[in-house]
């Protein structure tokens, strides 16, 4: 099965169905892309960005990696952000994590398994940073909080990148949001962190961390 024939059959059926429902769909889609939102999410196959927010192709610019991280040395992610901000002129960036994230759990359990261990080192640092406060919760709740804390920390990381800093310095309209998704309910939760300018960052970050510890745990 070198060509994965079933996938091509599904593709042909999908293209035919879309064309029947909207004859100009692909012509309009191929002409340009002008999304207003960049979605930075997890690579987990259970978290498809467009479907979660019920948006059509062309409406959402997407970058995904293990555990939805924004790392200063990750040129892949930073290149996507730069293109989205400087070329597409997007107005919102959503960092969306999810409960049950295998990457976060592996970091929590300190699993050492090949290259992914290096990638997850940043989340282990987040765990260590918040370890004292997390210790007041039982193990299950600690993990739930760590899923949320990872998103909040990634929002902070993104806001500190030169691309975002320069966009705000030239008064470009740009908001950074932190959300989390539940695999069990299909619902999104706003983690109460939305940064519209550099001067808001520390206050938004600290408020979101406090809210995380106050809120009831979810899954």
C-alpha atoms as a PDB file:
ATOM      1  CA  UNK A   1       0.000   0.000   0.000  1.00  0.00           C
ATOM      2  CA  UNK A   2       2.676   2.447  -1.110  1.00  0.00           C
ATOM      3  CA  UNK A   3       0.207   5.149  -2.169  1.00  0.00           C
ATOM      4  CA  UNK A   4      -2.185   4.895   0.819  1.00  0.00           C
ATOM      5  CA  UNK A   5      -5.044   4.522  -1.643  1.00  0.00           C
ATOM      6  CA  UNK A   6      -7.847   4.972   0.949  1.00  0.00           C
ATOM      7  CA  UNK A   7      -6.622   8.484   1.715  1.00  0.00           C
ATOM      8  CA  UNK A   8      -6.670   9.465  -1.944  1.00  0.00           C
ATOM      9  CA  UNK A   9     -10.191   8.081  -2.237  1.00  0.00           C
ATOM     10  CA  UNK A  10     -11.270  10.122   0.779  1.00  0.00           C
ATOM     11  CA  UNK A  11      -9.594  13.204  -0.696  1.00  0.00           C
ATOM     12  CA  UNK A  12     -11.422  12.809  -3.997  1.00  0.00           C
ATOM     13  CA  UNK A  13     -14.742  12.323  -2.250  1.00  0.00           C
ATOM     14  CA  UNK A  14     -14.152  15.363  -0.043  1.00  0.00           C
ATOM     15  CA  UNK A  15     -13.138  17.602  -2.971  1.00  0.00           C
ATOM     16  CA  UNK A  16     -16.193  16.492  -4.951  1.00  0.00           C
ATOM     17  CA  UNK A  17     -18.503  17.120  -1.998  1.00  0.00           C
ATOM     18  CA  UNK A  18     -17.090  20.579  -1.317  1.00  0.00           C
ATOM     19  CA  UNK A  19     -17.270  21.536  -4.998  1.00  0.00           C
ATOM     20  CA  UNK A  20     -20.876  20.407  -5.179  1.00  0.00           C
ATOM     21  CA  UNK A  21     -21.816  22.415  -2.099  1.00  0.00           C
ATOM     22  CA  UNK A  22     -19.782  25.487  -3.086  1.00  0.00           C
ATOM     23  CA  UNK A  23     -18.611  25.536  -6.723  1.00  0.00           C
ATOM     24  CA  UNK A  24     -16.297  28.545  -6.227  1.00  0.00           C
ATOM     25  CA  UNK A  25     -14.737  27.288  -2.983  1.00  0.00           C
ATOM     26  CA  UNK A  26     -11.348  26.157  -4.338  1.00  0.00           C
ATOM     27  CA  UNK A  27     -11.054  29.040  -6.797  1.00  0.00           C
ATOM     28  CA  UNK A  28     -11.554  31.536  -3.984  1.00  0.00           C
ATOM     29  CA  UNK A  29      -9.315  29.593  -1.598  1.00  0.00           C
ATOM     30  CA  UNK A  30      -6.414  29.433  -4.049  1.00  0.00           C
ATOM     31  CA  UNK A  31      -6.574  33.161  -4.810  1.00  0.00           C
ATOM     32  CA  UNK A  32      -5.235  34.291  -1.414  1.00  0.00           C
ATOM     33  CA  UNK A  33      -5.093  33.614   2.289  1.00  0.00           C
ATOM     34  CA  UNK A  34      -5.969  36.385   4.716  1.00  0.00           C
ATOM     35  CA  UNK A  35      -6.517  34.817   8.138  1.00  0.00           C
ATOM     36  CA  UNK A  36      -6.679  37.072  11.181  1.00  0.00           C
ATOM     37  CA  UNK A  37      -5.693  34.328  13.632  1.00  0.00           C
ATOM     38  CA  UNK A  38      -2.572  32.248  14.187  1.00  0.00           C
ATOM     39  CA  UNK A  39      -3.184  29.060  16.157  1.00  0.00           C
ATOM     40  CA  UNK A  40      -0.224  27.491  17.983  1.00  0.00           C
ATOM     41  CA  UNK A  41      -1.352  24.092  19.185  1.00  0.00           C
ATOM     42  CA  UNK A  42      -0.261  20.589  20.039  1.00  0.00           C
ATOM     43  CA  UNK A  43       0.576  17.995  17.381  1.00  0.00           C
ATOM     44  CA  UNK A  44      -1.842  15.556  19.043  1.00  0.00           C
ATOM     45  CA  UNK A  45      -4.105  14.103  16.342  1.00  0.00           C
ATOM     46  CA  UNK A  46      -7.126  14.536  18.627  1.00  0.00           C
ATOM     47  CA  UNK A  47      -6.818  18.333  18.599  1.00  0.00           C
ATOM     48  CA  UNK A  48      -7.567  19.534  15.035  1.00  0.00           C
ATOM     49  CA  UNK A  49      -7.486  23.329  15.122  1.00  0.00           C
ATOM     50  CA  UNK A  50     -10.008  24.192  12.397  1.00  0.00           C
ATOM     51  CA  UNK A  51     -12.590  21.692  13.594  1.00  0.00           C
ATOM     52  CA  UNK A  52     -12.423  22.776  17.231  1.00  0.00           C
ATOM     53  CA  UNK A  53     -13.428  26.342  16.373  1.00  0.00           C
ATOM     54  CA  UNK A  54     -15.537  25.333  13.340  1.00  0.00           C
ATOM     55  CA  UNK A  55     -13.598  27.421  10.836  1.00  0.00           C
ATOM     56  CA  UNK A  56     -13.090  26.820   7.134  1.00  0.00           C
ATOM     57  CA  UNK A  57      -9.727  26.372   5.385  1.00  0.00           C
ATOM     58  CA  UNK A  58      -8.120  29.765   4.874  1.00  0.00           C
ATOM     59  CA  UNK A  59      -9.490  31.262   8.092  1.00  0.00           C
ATOM     60  CA  UNK A  60      -6.837  29.974  10.480  1.00  0.00           C
ATOM     61  CA  UNK A  61      -3.047  29.996  10.142  1.00  0.00           C
ATOM     62  CA  UNK A  62      -1.726  27.015  12.097  1.00  0.00           C
ATOM     63  CA  UNK A  63       1.502  25.861  13.723  1.00  0.00           C
ATOM     64  CA  UNK A  64       1.605  22.681  15.806  1.00  0.00           C
ATOM     65  CA  UNK A  65       4.319  20.967  17.815  1.00  0.00           C
ATOM     66  CA  UNK A  66       4.557  18.585  20.756  1.00  0.00           C
ATOM     67  CA  UNK A  67       2.927  20.236  23.775  1.00  0.00           C
ATOM     68  CA  UNK A  68       2.299  23.569  21.980  1.00  0.00           C
ATOM     69  CA  UNK A  69       5.570  25.165  22.989  1.00  0.00           C
ATOM     70  CA  UNK A  70       7.143  28.473  22.006  1.00  0.00           C
ATOM     71  CA  UNK A  71      10.887  28.094  22.430  1.00  0.00           C
ATOM     72  CA  UNK A  72      13.300  30.896  21.586  1.00  0.00           C
ATOM     73  CA  UNK A  73      15.624  28.506  19.718  1.00  0.00           C
ATOM     74  CA  UNK A  74      12.832  26.905  17.634  1.00  0.00           C
ATOM     75  CA  UNK A  75      13.292  28.588  14.256  1.00  0.00           C
ATOM     76  CA  UNK A  76      10.341  26.672  12.817  1.00  0.00           C
ATOM     77  CA  UNK A  77       7.841  28.168  15.244  1.00  0.00           C
ATOM     78  CA  UNK A  78       9.450  31.615  15.207  1.00  0.00           C
ATOM     79  CA  UNK A  79       9.439  31.687  11.396  1.00  0.00           C
ATOM     80  CA  UNK A  80       5.729  30.899  11.384  1.00  0.00           C
ATOM     81  CA  UNK A  81       5.103  33.670  13.915  1.00  0.00           C
ATOM     82  CA  UNK A  82       7.194  36.133  11.921  1.00  0.00           C
ATOM     83  CA  UNK A  83       5.368  35.359   8.683  1.00  0.00           C
ATOM     84  CA  UNK A  84       1.976  35.548  10.376  1.00  0.00           C
ATOM     85  CA  UNK A  85       2.717  38.861  12.094  1.00  0.00           C
ATOM     86  CA  UNK A  86       4.782  40.670   9.464  1.00  0.00           C
ATOM     87  CA  UNK A  87       3.282  39.364   6.209  1.00  0.00           C
ATOM     88  CA  UNK A  88      -0.249  38.175   6.975  1.00  0.00           C
ATOM     89  CA  UNK A  89      -0.775  40.914   9.581  1.00  0.00           C
ATOM     90  CA  UNK A  90      -2.790  38.601  11.800  1.00  0.00           C
ATOM     91  CA  UNK A  91      -4.523  40.236  14.752  1.00  0.00           C
ATOM     92  CA  UNK A  92      -4.676  37.348  17.219  1.00  0.00           C
ATOM     93  CA  UNK A  93      -2.394  34.505  18.245  1.00  0.00           C
ATOM     94  CA  UNK A  94      -3.955  31.688  20.242  1.00  0.00           C
ATOM     95  CA  UNK A  95      -1.750  29.253  22.123  1.00  0.00           C
ATOM     96  CA  UNK A  96      -3.981  26.279  22.805  1.00  0.00           C
ATOM     97  CA  UNK A  97      -2.980  23.351  25.000  1.00  0.00           C
ATOM     98  CA  UNK A  98      -5.129  20.430  25.996  1.00  0.00           C
ATOM     99  CA  UNK A  99      -5.817  18.279  29.009  1.00  0.00           C
ATOM    100  CA  UNK A 100      -4.354  14.810  28.603  1.00  0.00           C
ATOM    101  CA  UNK A 101      -1.343  16.102  26.645  1.00  0.00           C
ATOM    102  CA  UNK A 102       1.186  13.278  26.377  1.00  0.00           C
ATOM    103  CA  UNK A 103       4.120  15.667  26.157  1.00  0.00           C
ATOM    104  CA  UNK A 104       3.243  17.482  29.375  1.00  0.00           C
ATOM    105  CA  UNK A 105       2.593  14.202  31.165  1.00  0.00           C
ATOM    106  CA  UNK A 106       5.945  12.785  30.003  1.00  0.00           C
ATOM    107  CA  UNK A 107       7.678  15.896  31.329  1.00  0.00           C
ATOM    108  CA  UNK A 108       5.788  15.598  34.622  1.00  0.00           C
ATOM    109  CA  UNK A 109       6.810  11.928  34.916  1.00  0.00           C
ATOM    110  CA  UNK A 110      10.381  12.829  33.886  1.00  0.00           C
ATOM    111  CA  UNK A 111      10.351  10.273  31.074  1.00  0.00           C
ATOM    112  CA  UNK A 112      13.715  10.064  29.292  1.00  0.00           C
ATOM    113  CA  UNK A 113      13.069   8.754  25.784  1.00  0.00           C
ATOM    114  CA  UNK A 114      15.185   9.922  22.850  1.00  0.00           C
ATOM    115  CA  UNK A 115      15.096  13.357  21.233  1.00  0.00           C
ATOM    116  CA  UNK A 116      11.680  14.211  22.630  1.00  0.00           C
ATOM    117  CA  UNK A 117      13.263  14.350  26.103  1.00  0.00           C
ATOM    118  CA  UNK A 118      15.296  17.373  25.016  1.00  0.00           C
ATOM    119  CA  UNK A 119      12.194  19.030  23.610  1.00  0.00           C
ATOM    120  CA  UNK A 120      10.283  18.453  26.847  1.00  0.00           C
ATOM    121  CA  UNK A 121      13.066  19.854  29.026  1.00  0.00           C
ATOM    122  CA  UNK A 122      11.363  23.234  28.872  1.00  0.00           C
ATOM    123  CA  UNK A 123       8.196  21.797  30.403  1.00  0.00           C
ATOM    124  CA  UNK A 124      10.214  20.060  33.086  1.00  0.00           C
ATOM    125  CA  UNK A 125      11.572  23.523  33.904  1.00  0.00           C
ATOM    126  CA  UNK A 126       8.000  24.820  34.200  1.00  0.00           C
ATOM    127  CA  UNK A 127       7.174  21.960  36.542  1.00  0.00           C
ATOM    128  CA  UNK A 128      10.206  22.760  38.663  1.00  0.00           C
ATOM    129  CA  UNK A 129       9.380  26.478  38.674  1.00  0.00           C
ATOM    130  CA  UNK A 130       5.887  25.820  40.050  1.00  0.00           C
ATOM    131  CA  UNK A 131       6.690  22.721  42.080  1.00  0.00           C
ATOM    132  CA  UNK A 132       6.120  24.317  45.483  1.00  0.00           C
ATOM    133  CA  UNK A 133       2.598  25.479  44.659  1.00  0.00           C
ATOM    134  CA  UNK A 134       1.746  22.315  42.736  1.00  0.00           C
ATOM    135  CA  UNK A 135       2.714  20.237  45.762  1.00  0.00           C
ATOM    136  CA  UNK A 136      -0.420  21.487  47.547  1.00  0.00           C
ATOM    137  CA  UNK A 137      -2.577  19.477  45.101  1.00  0.00           C
ATOM    138  CA  UNK A 138      -2.957  15.725  44.668  1.00  0.00           C
ATOM    139  CA  UNK A 139      -1.119  14.111  41.743  1.00  0.00           C
ATOM    140  CA  UNK A 140      -4.070  14.153  39.351  1.00  0.00           C
ATOM    141  CA  UNK A 141      -4.766  17.815  40.021  1.00  0.00           C
ATOM    142  CA  UNK A 142      -1.073  18.698  39.769  1.00  0.00           C
ATOM    143  CA  UNK A 143      -1.049  17.327  36.248  1.00  0.00           C
ATOM    144  CA  UNK A 144      -4.226  19.202  35.323  1.00  0.00           C
ATOM    145  CA  UNK A 145      -2.681  22.430  36.606  1.00  0.00           C
ATOM    146  CA  UNK A 146       0.538  21.744  34.707  1.00  0.00           C
ATOM    147  CA  UNK A 147      -1.399  21.495  31.426  1.00  0.00           C
ATOM    148  CA  UNK A 148      -2.747  24.981  32.142  1.00  0.00           C
ATOM    149  CA  UNK A 149       0.525  26.425  33.421  1.00  0.00           C
ATOM    150  CA  UNK A 150       2.304  25.257  30.290  1.00  0.00           C
ATOM    151  CA  UNK A 151      -0.046  27.335  28.138  1.00  0.00           C
ATOM    152  CA  UNK A 152       0.368  30.423  30.329  1.00  0.00           C
ATOM    153  CA  UNK A 153       4.156  30.094  30.255  1.00  0.00           C
ATOM    154  CA  UNK A 154       4.128  29.731  26.460  1.00  0.00           C
ATOM    155  CA  UNK A 155       2.076  32.918  26.165  1.00  0.00           C
ATOM    156  CA  UNK A 156       4.741  34.655  28.225  1.00  0.00           C
ATOM    157  CA  UNK A 157       7.507  33.178  26.050  1.00  0.00           C
ATOM    158  CA  UNK A 158       5.794  34.308  22.857  1.00  0.00           C
ATOM    159  CA  UNK A 159       5.254  37.829  24.146  1.00  0.00           C
ATOM    160  CA  UNK A 160       8.977  38.111  24.852  1.00  0.00           C
ATOM    161  CA  UNK A 161      10.055  37.228  21.299  1.00  0.00           C
ATOM    162  CA  UNK A 162      11.532  40.032  19.155  1.00  0.00           C
ATOM    163  CA  UNK A 163       8.833  39.587  16.493  1.00  0.00           C
ATOM    164  CA  UNK A 164       6.016  40.309  18.940  1.00  0.00           C
ATOM    165  CA  UNK A 165       7.944  43.041  20.751  1.00  0.00           C
ATOM    166  CA  UNK A 166       8.642  44.882  17.492  1.00  0.00           C
ATOM    167  CA  UNK A 167       5.016  44.535  16.360  1.00  0.00           C
ATOM    168  CA  UNK A 168       3.824  46.211  19.538  1.00  0.00           C
ATOM    169  CA  UNK A 169       6.503  48.908  19.276  1.00  0.00           C
ATOM    170  CA  UNK A 170       5.106  49.919  15.887  1.00  0.00           C
ATOM    171  CA  UNK A 171       1.566  49.857  17.375  1.00  0.00           C
ATOM    172  CA  UNK A 172       0.407  46.882  15.346  1.00  0.00           C
ATOM    173  CA  UNK A 173      -2.893  45.489  16.634  1.00  0.00           C
ATOM    174  CA  UNK A 174      -1.976  42.111  18.055  1.00  0.00           C
ATOM    175  CA  UNK A 175      -3.398  40.102  20.955  1.00  0.00           C
ATOM    176  CA  UNK A 176      -1.908  36.923  22.432  1.00  0.00           C
ATOM    177  CA  UNK A 177      -4.364  34.481  24.042  1.00  0.00           C
ATOM    178  CA  UNK A 178      -3.978  31.333  26.142  1.00  0.00           C
ATOM    179  CA  UNK A 179      -6.660  28.647  25.859  1.00  0.00           C
ATOM    180  CA  UNK A 180      -6.988  24.980  26.774  1.00  0.00           C
ATOM    181  CA  UNK A 181      -9.092  22.226  25.215  1.00  0.00           C
ATOM    182  CA  UNK A 182     -10.830  19.271  26.823  1.00  0.00           C
ATOM    183  CA  UNK A 183     -10.701  15.986  24.937  1.00  0.00           C
ATOM    184  CA  UNK A 184     -13.580  14.701  27.065  1.00  0.00           C
ATOM    185  CA  UNK A 185     -16.053  17.496  26.319  1.00  0.00           C
ATOM    186  CA  UNK A 186     -14.762  19.111  23.137  1.00  0.00           C
ATOM    187  CA  UNK A 187     -14.920  22.503  24.836  1.00  0.00           C
ATOM    188  CA  UNK A 188     -12.354  25.273  25.057  1.00  0.00           C
ATOM    189  CA  UNK A 189     -11.542  27.229  28.209  1.00  0.00           C
ATOM    190  CA  UNK A 190     -10.009  30.704  28.260  1.00  0.00           C
ATOM    191  CA  UNK A 191      -7.161  30.693  30.792  1.00  0.00           C
ATOM    192  CA  UNK A 192      -7.667  34.399  31.517  1.00  0.00           C
ATOM    193  CA  UNK A 193      -4.446  35.508  29.878  1.00  0.00           C
ATOM    194  CA  UNK A 194      -4.754  37.940  26.984  1.00  0.00           C
ATOM    195  CA  UNK A 195      -1.867  40.307  26.263  1.00  0.00           C
ATOM    196  CA  UNK A 196      -2.363  43.255  23.928  1.00  0.00           C
ATOM    197  CA  UNK A 197       0.891  45.096  24.607  1.00  0.00           C
ATOM    198  CA  UNK A 198       4.197  44.579  26.357  1.00  0.00           C
ATOM    199  CA  UNK A 199       3.229  46.736  29.328  1.00  0.00           C
ATOM    200  CA  UNK A 200       0.358  44.337  30.109  1.00  0.00           C
ATOM    201  CA  UNK A 201       2.481  41.206  30.115  1.00  0.00           C
ATOM    202  CA  UNK A 202       3.573  40.878  33.733  1.00  0.00           C
ATOM    203  CA  UNK A 203       0.150  41.758  35.134  1.00  0.00           C
ATOM    204  CA  UNK A 204      -1.664  39.355  32.786  1.00  0.00           C
ATOM    205  CA  UNK A 205       0.853  36.609  33.493  1.00  0.00           C
ATOM    206  CA  UNK A 206       0.664  36.959  37.276  1.00  0.00           C
ATOM    207  CA  UNK A 207      -3.137  37.169  37.252  1.00  0.00           C
ATOM    208  CA  UNK A 208      -3.408  34.057  35.081  1.00  0.00           C
ATOM    209  CA  UNK A 209      -1.070  32.086  37.368  1.00  0.00           C
ATOM    210  CA  UNK A 210      -3.112  33.088  40.414  1.00  0.00           C
ATOM    211  CA  UNK A 211      -6.372  32.205  38.653  1.00  0.00           C
ATOM    212  CA  UNK A 212      -4.954  28.828  37.678  1.00  0.00           C
ATOM    213  CA  UNK A 213      -4.325  27.912  41.298  1.00  0.00           C
ATOM    214  CA  UNK A 214      -7.688  29.246  42.461  1.00  0.00           C
ATOM    215  CA  UNK A 215      -9.815  27.555  39.832  1.00  0.00           C
ATOM    216  CA  UNK A 216     -11.369  24.126  40.125  1.00  0.00           C
ATOM    217  CA  UNK A 217      -9.428  21.468  38.280  1.00  0.00           C
ATOM    218  CA  UNK A 218     -10.791  20.280  34.943  1.00  0.00           C
ATOM    219  CA  UNK A 219     -10.058  17.514  32.472  1.00  0.00           C
END
